[in-house]
PDB file of N, CA and C in Angstrom:
ATOM      1  N   MET A   1     191.471  -6.221 162.526  1.00  0.00           N
ATOM      2  CA  MET A   1     190.222  -6.227 161.796  1.00  0.00           C
ATOM      3  C   MET A   1     190.195  -4.995 160.891  1.00  0.00           C
ATOM      4  N   THR A   2     189.854  -5.198 159.630  1.00  0.00           N
ATOM      5  CA  THR A   2     189.794  -4.082 158.691  1.00  0.00           C
ATOM      6  C   THR A   2     188.503  -4.132 157.896  1.00  0.00           C
ATOM      7  N   TYR A   3     187.958  -2.980 157.637  1.00  0.00           N
ATOM      8  CA  TYR A   3     186.750  -2.871 156.826  1.00  0.00           C
ATOM      9  C   TYR A   3     187.066  -2.215 155.486  1.00  0.00           C
ATOM     10  N   GLU A   4     188.354  -2.142 155.156  1.00  0.00           N
ATOM     11  CA  GLU A   4     188.816  -1.577 153.903  1.00  0.00           C
ATOM     12  C   GLU A   4     188.228  -0.186 153.653  1.00  0.00           C
ATOM     13  N   ARG A   5     188.012   0.548 154.716  1.00  0.00           N
ATOM     14  CA  ARG A   5     187.523   1.930 154.661  1.00  0.00           C
ATOM     15  C   ARG A   5     186.158   2.012 153.971  1.00  0.00           C
ATOM     16  N   GLU A   6     185.420   0.904 153.963  1.00  0.00           N
ATOM     17  CA  GLU A   6     184.109   0.848 153.319  1.00  0.00           C
ATOM     18  C   GLU A   6     183.154   1.906 153.869  1.00  0.00           C
ATOM     19  N   PHE A   7     183.225   2.156 155.168  1.00  0.00           N
ATOM     20  CA  PHE A   7     182.294   3.082 155.787  1.00  0.00           C
ATOM     21  C   PHE A   7     182.773   4.532 155.706  1.00  0.00           C
ATOM     22  N   ASP A   8     183.914   4.751 155.078  1.00  0.00           N
ATOM     23  CA  ASP A   8     184.398   6.110 154.834  1.00  0.00           C
ATOM     24  C   ASP A   8     183.937   6.617 153.476  1.00  0.00           C
ATOM     25  N   ARG A   9     183.110   5.830 152.789  1.00  0.00           N
ATOM     26  CA  ARG A   9     182.601   6.225 151.474  1.00  0.00           C
ATOM     27  C   ARG A   9     181.112   6.516 151.551  1.00  0.00           C
ATOM     28  N   GLU A  10     180.642   7.260 150.566  1.00  0.00           N
ATOM     29  CA  GLU A  10     179.229   7.623 150.515  1.00  0.00           C
ATOM     30  C   GLU A  10     178.351   6.384 150.368  1.00  0.00           C
ATOM     31  N   ALA A  11     177.227   6.391 151.068  1.00  0.00           N
ATOM     32  CA  ALA A  11     176.257   5.298 150.983  1.00  0.00           C
ATOM     33  C   ALA A  11     174.856   5.874 151.126  1.00  0.00           C
ATOM     34  N   ILE A  12     173.876   5.103 150.683  1.00  0.00           N
ATOM     35  CA  ILE A  12     172.483   5.490 150.803  1.00  0.00           C
ATOM     36  C   ILE A  12     171.952   4.924 152.126  1.00  0.00           C
ATOM     37  N   TYR A  13     171.317   5.785 152.913  1.00  0.00           N
ATOM     38  CA  TYR A  13     170.762   5.377 154.204  1.00  0.00           C
ATOM     39  C   TYR A  13     169.270   5.641 154.259  1.00  0.00           C
ATOM     40  N   ARG A  14     168.590   4.838 155.066  1.00  0.00           N
ATOM     41  CA  ARG A  14     167.173   5.039 155.389  1.00  0.00           C
ATOM     42  C   ARG A  14     167.103   5.128 156.914  1.00  0.00           C
ATOM     43  N   ILE A  15     166.752   6.307 157.410  1.00  0.00           N
ATOM     44  CA  ILE A  15     166.681   6.551 158.851  1.00  0.00           C
ATOM     45  C   ILE A  15     165.219   6.775 159.205  1.00  0.00           C
ATOM     46  N   ARG A  16     164.702   5.998 160.156  1.00  0.00           N
ATOM     47  CA  ARG A  16     163.299   6.110 160.552  1.00  0.00           C
ATOM     48  C   ARG A  16     163.233   6.662 161.969  1.00  0.00           C
ATOM     49  N   VAL A  17     162.403   7.692 162.156  1.00  0.00           N
ATOM     50  CA  VAL A  17     162.239   8.317 163.468  1.00  0.00           C
ATOM     51  C   VAL A  17     160.764   8.370 163.838  1.00  0.00           C
ATOM     52  N   LYS A  18     160.506   8.455 165.134  1.00  0.00           N
ATOM     53  CA  LYS A  18     159.147   8.644 165.625  1.00  0.00           C
ATOM     54  C   LYS A  18     158.877  10.136 165.627  1.00  0.00           C
ATOM     55  N   GLY A  19     157.767  10.548 165.041  1.00  0.00           N
ATOM     56  CA  GLY A  19     157.426  11.960 164.941  1.00  0.00           C
ATOM     57  C   GLY A  19     157.256  12.340 163.484  1.00  0.00           C
ATOM     58  N   THR A  20     156.548  13.417 163.267  1.00  0.00           N
ATOM     59  CA  THR A  20     156.264  13.862 161.912  1.00  0.00           C
ATOM     60  C   THR A  20     157.078  15.104 161.588  1.00  0.00           C
ATOM     61  N   LEU A  21     157.832  15.036 160.513  1.00  0.00           N
ATOM     62  CA  LEU A  21     158.594  16.181 160.020  1.00  0.00           C
ATOM     63  C   LEU A  21     158.056  16.573 158.654  1.00  0.00           C
ATOM     64  N   ASP A  22     157.992  17.847 158.409  1.00  0.00           N
ATOM     65  CA  ASP A  22     157.573  18.381 157.119  1.00  0.00           C
ATOM     66  C   ASP A  22     158.721  18.196 156.128  1.00  0.00           C
ATOM     67  N   PRO A  23     158.418  17.970 154.849  1.00  0.00           N
ATOM     68  CA  PRO A  23     159.478  17.837 153.841  1.00  0.00           C
ATOM     69  C   PRO A  23     160.419  19.041 153.769  1.00  0.00           C
ATOM     70  N   GLU A  24     159.985  20.186 154.287  1.00  0.00           N
ATOM     71  CA  GLU A  24     160.841  21.378 154.279  1.00  0.00           C
ATOM     72  C   GLU A  24     162.094  21.207 155.141  1.00  0.00           C
ATOM     73  N   TRP A  25     162.155  20.182 155.970  1.00  0.00           N
ATOM     74  CA  TRP A  25     163.333  19.909 156.791  1.00  0.00           C
ATOM     75  C   TRP A  25     164.472  19.301 155.959  1.00  0.00           C
ATOM     76  N   ALA A  26     164.221  18.976 154.707  1.00  0.00           N
ATOM     77  CA  ALA A  26     165.221  18.296 153.873  1.00  0.00           C
ATOM     78  C   ALA A  26     166.550  19.051 153.826  1.00  0.00           C
ATOM     79  N   ASP A  27     166.517  20.358 153.651  1.00  0.00           N
ATOM     80  CA  ASP A  27     167.759  21.137 153.595  1.00  0.00           C
ATOM     81  C   ASP A  27     168.551  21.015 154.891  1.00  0.00           C
ATOM     82  N   TRP A  28     167.847  21.044 156.012  1.00  0.00           N
ATOM     83  CA  TRP A  28     168.516  20.971 157.315  1.00  0.00           C
ATOM     84  C   TRP A  28     169.176  19.616 157.506  1.00  0.00           C
ATOM     85  N   PHE A  29     168.615  18.585 156.870  1.00  0.00           N
ATOM     86  CA  PHE A  29     169.169  17.244 156.944  1.00  0.00           C
ATOM     87  C   PHE A  29     170.047  16.928 155.742  1.00  0.00           C
ATOM     88  N   GLY A  30     170.710  17.914 155.206  1.00  0.00           N
ATOM     89  CA  GLY A  30     171.690  17.709 154.146  1.00  0.00           C
ATOM     90  C   GLY A  30     171.112  17.237 152.828  1.00  0.00           C
ATOM     91  N   GLY A  31     169.854  17.557 152.571  1.00  0.00           N
ATOM     92  CA  GLY A  31     169.247  17.187 151.305  1.00  0.00           C
ATOM     93  C   GLY A  31     168.595  15.814 151.287  1.00  0.00           C
ATOM     94  N   LEU A  32     168.563  15.132 152.432  1.00  0.00           N
ATOM     95  CA  LEU A  32     167.879  13.850 152.475  1.00  0.00           C
ATOM     96  C   LEU A  32     166.398  14.051 152.197  1.00  0.00           C
ATOM     97  N   GLU A  33     165.777  13.084 151.556  1.00  0.00           N
ATOM     98  CA  GLU A  33     164.343  13.137 151.317  1.00  0.00           C
ATOM     99  C   GLU A  33     163.639  12.880 152.648  1.00  0.00           C
ATOM    100  N   VAL A  34     162.664  13.724 152.983  1.00  0.00           N
ATOM    101  CA  VAL A  34     161.912  13.605 154.234  1.00  0.00           C
ATOM    102  C   VAL A  34     160.496  13.169 153.871  1.00  0.00           C
ATOM    103  N   VAL A  35     160.124  11.950 154.309  1.00  0.00           N
ATOM    104  CA  VAL A  35     158.848  11.356 153.912  1.00  0.00           C
ATOM    105  C   VAL A  35     158.050  10.979 155.152  1.00  0.00           C
ATOM    106  N   SER A  36     156.869  11.594 155.325  1.00  0.00           N
ATOM    107  CA  SER A  36     155.993  11.244 156.444  1.00  0.00           C
ATOM    108  C   SER A  36     155.383   9.873 156.208  1.00  0.00           C
ATOM    109  N   GLN A  37     155.283   9.100 157.279  1.00  0.00           N
ATOM    110  CA  GLN A  37     154.736   7.746 157.222  1.00  0.00           C
ATOM    111  C   GLN A  37     153.525   7.635 158.151  1.00  0.00           C
ATOM    112  N   LYS A  38     152.766   6.572 158.001  1.00  0.00           N
ATOM    113  CA  LYS A  38     151.664   6.298 158.924  1.00  0.00           C
ATOM    114  C   LYS A  38     152.228   6.045 160.308  1.00  0.00           C
ATOM    115  N   GLY A  39     151.405   6.267 161.301  1.00  0.00           N
ATOM    116  CA  GLY A  39     151.816   5.956 162.665  1.00  0.00           C
ATOM    117  C   GLY A  39     152.758   6.969 163.264  1.00  0.00           C
ATOM    118  N   ASP A  40     152.669   8.235 162.802  1.00  0.00           N
ATOM    119  CA  ASP A  40     153.501   9.300 163.366  1.00  0.00           C
ATOM    120  C   ASP A  40     154.989   8.979 163.261  1.00  0.00           C
ATOM    121  N   GLU A  41     155.406   8.568 162.061  1.00  0.00           N
ATOM    122  CA  GLU A  41     156.814   8.288 161.803  1.00  0.00           C
ATOM    123  C   GLU A  41     157.269   9.046 160.560  1.00  0.00           C
ATOM    124  N   THR A  42     158.573   9.254 160.454  1.00  0.00           N
ATOM    125  CA  THR A  42     159.164   9.935 159.308  1.00  0.00           C
ATOM    126  C   THR A  42     160.379   9.156 158.841  1.00  0.00           C
ATOM    127  N   LEU A  43     160.536   9.050 157.525  1.00  0.00           N
ATOM    128  CA  LEU A  43     161.724   8.452 156.925  1.00  0.00           C
ATOM    129  C   LEU A  43     162.612   9.557 156.367  1.00  0.00           C
ATOM    130  N   LEU A  44     163.904   9.439 156.601  1.00  0.00           N
ATOM    131  CA  LEU A  44     164.914  10.300 155.992  1.00  0.00           C
ATOM    132  C   LEU A  44     165.727   9.379 155.094  1.00  0.00           C
ATOM    133  N   VAL A  45     165.731   9.647 153.801  1.00  0.00           N
ATOM    134  CA  VAL A  45     166.367   8.731 152.850  1.00  0.00           C
ATOM    135  C   VAL A  45     167.274   9.501 151.910  1.00  0.00           C
ATOM    136  N   GLY A  46     168.468   8.958 151.679  1.00  0.00           N
ATOM    137  CA  GLY A  46     169.351   9.560 150.697  1.00  0.00           C
ATOM    138  C   GLY A  46     170.806   9.288 150.986  1.00  0.00           C
ATOM    139  N   PRO A  47     171.671   9.890 150.176  1.00  0.00           N
ATOM    140  CA  PRO A  47     173.107   9.658 150.327  1.00  0.00           C
ATOM    141  C   PRO A  47     173.680  10.395 151.529  1.00  0.00           C
ATOM    142  N   VAL A  48     174.578   9.701 152.218  1.00  0.00           N
ATOM    143  CA  VAL A  48     175.311  10.265 153.350  1.00  0.00           C
ATOM    144  C   VAL A  48     176.790  10.079 153.028  1.00  0.00           C
ATOM    145  N   ALA A  49     177.560  11.142 153.150  1.00  0.00           N
ATOM    146  CA  ALA A  49     178.954  11.153 152.681  1.00  0.00           C
ATOM    147  C   ALA A  49     179.839  10.095 153.326  1.00  0.00           C
ATOM    148  N   ASP A  50     179.719   9.906 154.649  1.00  0.00           N
ATOM    149  CA  ASP A  50     180.579   8.970 155.358  1.00  0.00           C
ATOM    150  C   ASP A  50     180.054   8.817 156.788  1.00  0.00           C
ATOM    151  N   GLN A  51     180.786   8.079 157.608  1.00  0.00           N
ATOM    152  CA  GLN A  51     180.352   7.844 158.979  1.00  0.00           C
ATOM    153  C   GLN A  51     180.266   9.138 159.793  1.00  0.00           C
ATOM    154  N   ALA A  52     181.183  10.055 159.579  1.00  0.00           N
ATOM    155  CA  ALA A  52     181.148  11.326 160.305  1.00  0.00           C
ATOM    156  C   ALA A  52     179.860  12.092 159.979  1.00  0.00           C
ATOM    157  N   ALA A  53     179.474  12.102 158.714  1.00  0.00           N
ATOM    158  CA  ALA A  53     178.239  12.779 158.315  1.00  0.00           C
ATOM    159  C   ALA A  53     177.024  12.070 158.907  1.00  0.00           C
ATOM    160  N   LEU A  54     177.067  10.744 158.973  1.00  0.00           N
ATOM    161  CA  LEU A  54     175.969   9.990 159.573  1.00  0.00           C
ATOM    162  C   LEU A  54     175.821  10.353 161.047  1.00  0.00           C
ATOM    163  N   TYR A  55     176.931  10.416 161.766  1.00  0.00           N
ATOM    164  CA  TYR A  55     176.867  10.802 163.178  1.00  0.00           C
ATOM    165  C   TYR A  55     176.313  12.213 163.339  1.00  0.00           C
ATOM    166  N   GLY A  56     176.654  13.105 162.412  1.00  0.00           N
ATOM    167  CA  GLY A  56     176.109  14.456 162.447  1.00  0.00           C
ATOM    168  C   GLY A  56     174.596  14.462 162.285  1.00  0.00           C
ATOM    169  N   LEU A  57     174.084  13.641 161.358  1.00  0.00           N
ATOM    170  CA  LEU A  57     172.630  13.534 161.178  1.00  0.00           C
ATOM    171  C   LEU A  57     171.958  12.965 162.421  1.00  0.00           C
ATOM    172  N   LEU A  58     172.574  11.952 163.012  1.00  0.00           N
ATOM    173  CA  LEU A  58     172.002  11.350 164.213  1.00  0.00           C
ATOM    174  C   LEU A  58     171.998  12.340 165.376  1.00  0.00           C
ATOM    175  N   THR A  59     172.991  13.196 165.447  1.00  0.00           N
ATOM    176  CA  THR A  59     173.022  14.238 166.478  1.00  0.00           C
ATOM    177  C   THR A  59     171.882  15.224 166.267  1.00  0.00           C
ATOM    178  N   LYS A  60     171.626  15.613 165.023  1.00  0.00           N
ATOM    179  CA  LYS A  60     170.510  16.518 164.737  1.00  0.00           C
ATOM    180  C   LYS A  60     169.178  15.898 165.159  1.00  0.00           C
ATOM    181  N   ILE A  61     169.020  14.604 164.881  1.00  0.00           N
ATOM    182  CA  ILE A  61     167.794  13.901 165.263  1.00  0.00           C
ATOM    183  C   ILE A  61     167.647  13.907 166.781  1.00  0.00           C
ATOM    184  N   ARG A  62     168.735  13.609 167.478  1.00  0.00           N
ATOM    185  CA  ARG A  62     168.710  13.629 168.947  1.00  0.00           C
ATOM    186  C   ARG A  62     168.376  15.012 169.478  1.00  0.00           C
ATOM    187  N   ASN A  63     168.980  16.036 168.885  1.00  0.00           N
ATOM    188  CA  ASN A  63     168.748  17.401 169.346  1.00  0.00           C
ATOM    189  C   ASN A  63     167.302  17.856 169.147  1.00  0.00           C
ATOM    190  N   LEU A  64     166.621  17.275 168.161  1.00  0.00           N
ATOM    191  CA  LEU A  64     165.202  17.578 167.954  1.00  0.00           C
ATOM    192  C   LEU A  64     164.308  16.792 168.905  1.00  0.00           C
ATOM    193  N   GLY A  65     164.886  15.854 169.636  1.00  0.00           N
ATOM    194  CA  GLY A  65     164.116  15.047 170.573  1.00  0.00           C
ATOM    195  C   GLY A  65     163.289  13.971 169.896  1.00  0.00           C
ATOM    196  N   LEU A  66     163.685  13.581 168.677  1.00  0.00           N
ATOM    197  CA  LEU A  66     162.947  12.544 167.947  1.00  0.00           C
ATOM    198  C   LEU A  66     163.514  11.169 168.291  1.00  0.00           C
ATOM    199  N   PRO A  67     162.674  10.248 168.753  1.00  0.00           N
ATOM    200  CA  PRO A  67     163.174   8.903 169.016  1.00  0.00           C
ATOM    201  C   PRO A  67     163.626   8.229 167.715  1.00  0.00           C
ATOM    202  N   LEU A  68     164.810   7.664 167.734  1.00  0.00           N
ATOM    203  CA  LEU A  68     165.373   6.964 166.587  1.00  0.00           C
ATOM    204  C   LEU A  68     164.817   5.545 166.564  1.00  0.00           C
ATOM    205  N   LEU A  69     164.185   5.151 165.456  1.00  0.00           N
ATOM    206  CA  LEU A  69     163.604   3.814 165.345  1.00  0.00           C
ATOM    207  C   LEU A  69     164.507   2.848 164.591  1.00  0.00           C
ATOM    208  N   SER A  70     165.153   3.336 163.526  1.00  0.00           N
ATOM    209  CA  SER A  70     166.080   2.459 162.795  1.00  0.00           C
ATOM    210  C   SER A  70     166.994   3.265 161.894  1.00  0.00           C
ATOM    211  N   VAL A  71     168.154   2.674 161.625  1.00  0.00           N
ATOM    212  CA  VAL A  71     169.117   3.214 160.665  1.00  0.00           C
ATOM    213  C   VAL A  71     169.544   2.041 159.795  1.00  0.00           C
ATOM    214  N   VAL A  72     169.283   2.147 158.489  1.00  0.00           N
ATOM    215  CA  VAL A  72     169.626   1.065 157.577  1.00  0.00           C
ATOM    216  C   VAL A  72     170.492   1.606 156.457  1.00  0.00           C
ATOM    217  N   ARG A  73     171.644   0.988 156.274  1.00  0.00           N
ATOM    218  CA  ARG A  73     172.521   1.321 155.154  1.00  0.00           C
ATOM    219  C   ARG A  73     172.037   0.494 153.963  1.00  0.00           C
ATOM    220  N   ILE A  74     171.406   1.158 153.007  1.00  0.00           N
ATOM    221  CA  ILE A  74     170.787   0.454 151.894  1.00  0.00           C
ATOM    222  C   ILE A  74     171.846  -0.069 150.924  1.00  0.00           C
ATOM    223  N   LYS A  75     172.728   0.812 150.504  1.00  0.00           N
ATOM    224  CA  LYS A  75     173.781   0.396 149.581  1.00  0.00           C
ATOM    225  C   LYS A  75     174.835   1.491 149.489  1.00  0.00           C
ATOM    226  N   GLN A  76     175.978   1.101 149.002  1.00  0.00           N
ATOM    227  CA  GLN A  76     177.030   2.080 148.761  1.00  0.00           C
ATOM    228  C   GLN A  76     176.634   2.891 147.527  1.00  0.00           C
ATOM    229  N   ALA A  77     176.824   4.191 147.589  1.00  0.00           N
ATOM    230  CA  ALA A  77     176.499   5.050 146.448  1.00  0.00           C
ATOM    231  C   ALA A  77     177.438   4.741 145.291  1.00  0.00           C
ATOM    232  N   PRO A  78     176.945   4.891 144.071  1.00  0.00           N
ATOM    233  CA  PRO A  78     177.783   4.607 142.897  1.00  0.00           C
ATOM    234  C   PRO A  78     178.971   5.556 142.785  1.00  0.00           C
TER     235      PRO A  78
END
């Protein structure tokens, strides 16, 4: 089975977590846009370099104790 290294390339992700983060966390999350949502949720949106970088972001979310609600790969970056 091969994925032609598709997931080793940069893509745009939308990560939704339970909890409210201030937009000032953007730098800590590699420049992702941090957007507070209704219902005590936060969206992290933006380009992620590859799968290794995605796992790094998910580790940061876990380390903050934020429940992960969803991870959506929106599209491959141009």
